[in-house]
Amino acid sequence: MGQLPGLMADEGETPVVYSDSLDFGFTHAVSGEEIGGWLSEFVTRLADRSRSRGQLVGHIKLYAEGQDGASWWVASTGGSATLQAKAANPTTRVRGCSIGVTAILYNAQPADVRASVLAMLHDHCPGHLAL
């Protein structure tokens, strides 16, 4: 059938699914607001980068959990990112977080998706990563 109107993936095309759990440590305590901004920016940049390469974004979802019950959930289906943040204490500052990320993209190569996700998370990380 070829391409569906308004989409960039061929009907029946198998998507690339990248899913991983990552731990990030920061060199200094980072606010929940900074983490939410970083994660939202990451999801938006990945969606923008994917679209610019002719890829269809099925979805990008990210869940992060820090200390003191703080958590962040960010998602996009190719548009702007939607952020939901929850913190036991709104002024919580954390020195690290665990992140679960899933990206489903069409017209993409698995190695490229993985490399892009990892590079973009590291490049824009607040508090400079403690490696």
Protein backbone atom coordinates (compact mmCIF):
# COMPACT_ATOMS: atom_id res chain seq x y z
CA MET A 1 0.00 0.00 0.00
CA GLY A 2 2.92 2.37 0.32
CA GLN A 3 2.94 5.28 2.72
CA LEU A 4 -0.09 6.26 4.75
CA PRO A 5 -1.15 9.91 4.37
CA GLY A 6 0.69 12.18 6.81
CA LEU A 7 3.02 9.45 8.06
CA MET A 8 6.57 8.59 7.14
CA ALA A 9 6.49 4.84 7.83
CA ASP A 10 5.39 2.25 5.32
CA GLU A 11 2.38 0.20 6.29
CA GLY A 12 3.52 -2.96 8.02
CA GLU A 13 7.02 -1.64 8.69
CA THR A 14 8.61 -2.95 11.86
CA PRO A 15 9.61 -0.20 14.29
CA VAL A 16 12.90 0.05 16.13
CA VAL A 17 12.28 -0.30 19.86
CA TYR A 18 15.02 0.92 22.19
CA SER A 19 14.50 0.38 25.91
CA ASP A 20 17.04 0.68 28.70
CA SER A 21 17.51 1.44 32.38
CA LEU A 22 20.31 3.87 33.21
CA ASP A 23 21.76 5.28 36.42
CA PHE A 24 23.04 8.84 36.46
CA GLY A 25 25.18 10.41 39.16
CA PHE A 26 25.75 14.16 39.36
CA THR A 27 28.83 15.97 40.65
CA HIS A 28 26.59 18.25 42.73
CA ALA A 29 23.01 18.19 43.99
CA VAL A 30 20.52 19.05 41.25
CA SER A 31 17.01 20.39 41.78
CA GLY A 32 13.93 18.51 40.70
CA GLU A 33 13.12 21.42 38.40
CA GLU A 34 16.49 21.07 36.65
CA ILE A 35 15.99 17.32 36.23
CA GLY A 36 12.48 17.81 34.83
CA GLY A 37 13.82 20.39 32.37
CA TRP A 38 16.68 18.12 31.31
CA LEU A 39 14.39 15.17 30.73
CA SER A 40 11.77 17.22 28.85
CA GLU A 41 14.48 18.77 26.68
CA PHE A 42 15.92 15.33 25.94
CA VAL A 43 12.57 13.92 24.82
CA THR A 44 11.82 16.99 22.66
CA ARG A 45 15.32 16.96 21.09
CA LEU A 46 15.14 13.24 20.32
CA ALA A 47 11.71 13.68 18.67
CA ASP A 48 12.99 16.70 16.67
CA ARG A 49 16.15 14.84 15.60
CA SER A 50 14.13 11.80 14.56
CA ARG A 51 11.67 13.84 12.49
CA SER A 52 14.53 15.73 10.80
CA ARG A 53 15.89 12.34 9.67
CA GLY A 54 12.56 11.29 8.19
CA GLN A 55 11.70 8.98 11.08
CA LEU A 56 8.24 8.58 12.51
CA VAL A 57 8.09 8.76 16.31
CA GLY A 58 5.83 6.04 17.66
CA HIS A 59 6.54 7.27 21.16
CA ILE A 60 9.31 8.27 23.51
CA LYS A 61 8.74 7.67 27.20
CA LEU A 62 11.02 8.27 30.10
CA TYR A 63 10.57 7.61 33.81
CA ALA A 64 13.15 8.80 36.33
CA GLU A 65 13.32 8.24 40.04
CA GLY A 66 15.50 10.15 42.46
CA GLN A 67 15.84 10.26 46.21
CA ASP A 68 13.08 11.07 48.71
CA GLY A 69 10.38 9.66 46.45
CA ALA A 70 10.97 12.22 43.69
CA SER A 71 9.97 10.98 40.24
CA TRP A 72 9.56 12.38 36.73
CA TRP A 73 7.60 10.98 33.81
CA VAL A 74 8.04 12.50 30.34
CA ALA A 75 6.42 11.36 27.11
CA SER A 76 6.04 12.46 23.51
CA THR A 77 4.46 11.05 20.39
CA GLY A 78 6.53 13.38 18.25
CA GLY A 79 5.30 16.75 19.45
CA SER A 80 6.29 18.67 22.54
CA ALA A 81 7.09 16.67 25.65
CA THR A 82 4.57 16.22 28.45
CA LEU A 83 6.13 16.27 31.93
CA GLN A 84 4.65 15.01 35.17
CA ALA A 85 6.81 15.47 38.25
CA LYS A 86 6.24 14.25 41.76
CA ALA A 87 8.44 15.07 44.72
CA ALA A 88 7.89 14.37 48.40
CA ASN A 89 9.55 17.72 49.02
CA PRO A 90 9.31 20.37 46.24
CA THR A 91 12.79 21.68 47.10
CA THR A 92 14.35 18.23 46.82
CA ARG A 93 17.86 18.21 45.41
CA VAL A 94 19.33 14.92 44.28
CA ARG A 95 22.81 13.68 43.44
CA GLY A 96 21.59 11.04 41.03
CA CYS A 97 18.63 9.29 39.51
CA SER A 98 17.64 6.09 37.77
CA ILE A 99 16.07 6.44 34.35
CA GLY A 100 13.99 4.03 32.30
CA VAL A 101 13.71 5.13 28.68
CA THR A 102 11.79 3.65 25.76
CA ALA A 103 11.84 5.01 22.22
CA ILE A 104 9.83 3.52 19.36
CA LEU A 105 10.85 4.91 15.97
CA TYR A 106 10.13 3.96 12.37
CA ASN A 107 12.60 4.31 9.47
CA ALA A 108 15.49 4.08 11.96
CA GLN A 109 18.47 1.83 12.59
CA PRO A 110 18.76 0.22 16.06
CA ALA A 111 22.41 1.21 16.60
CA ASP A 112 21.67 4.81 15.59
CA VAL A 113 18.72 5.08 17.99
CA ARG A 114 20.78 3.68 20.88
CA ALA A 115 23.74 5.97 20.18
CA SER A 116 21.51 9.02 19.87
CA VAL A 117 19.63 8.31 23.11
CA LEU A 118 22.81 7.81 25.12
CA ALA A 119 24.65 10.79 23.63
CA MET A 120 21.71 13.16 24.06
CA LEU A 121 21.12 12.13 27.68
CA HIS A 122 24.80 12.60 28.54
CA ASP A 123 25.33 15.82 26.55
CA HIS A 124 22.56 17.76 28.25
CA CYS A 125 22.78 16.30 31.74
CA PRO A 126 22.59 18.86 34.57
CA GLY A 127 25.28 18.79 37.22
CA HIS A 128 27.84 17.31 34.85
CA LEU A 129 27.84 13.57 35.08
CA ALA A 130 30.00 11.91 37.65
CA LEU A 131 31.31 9.01 35.59
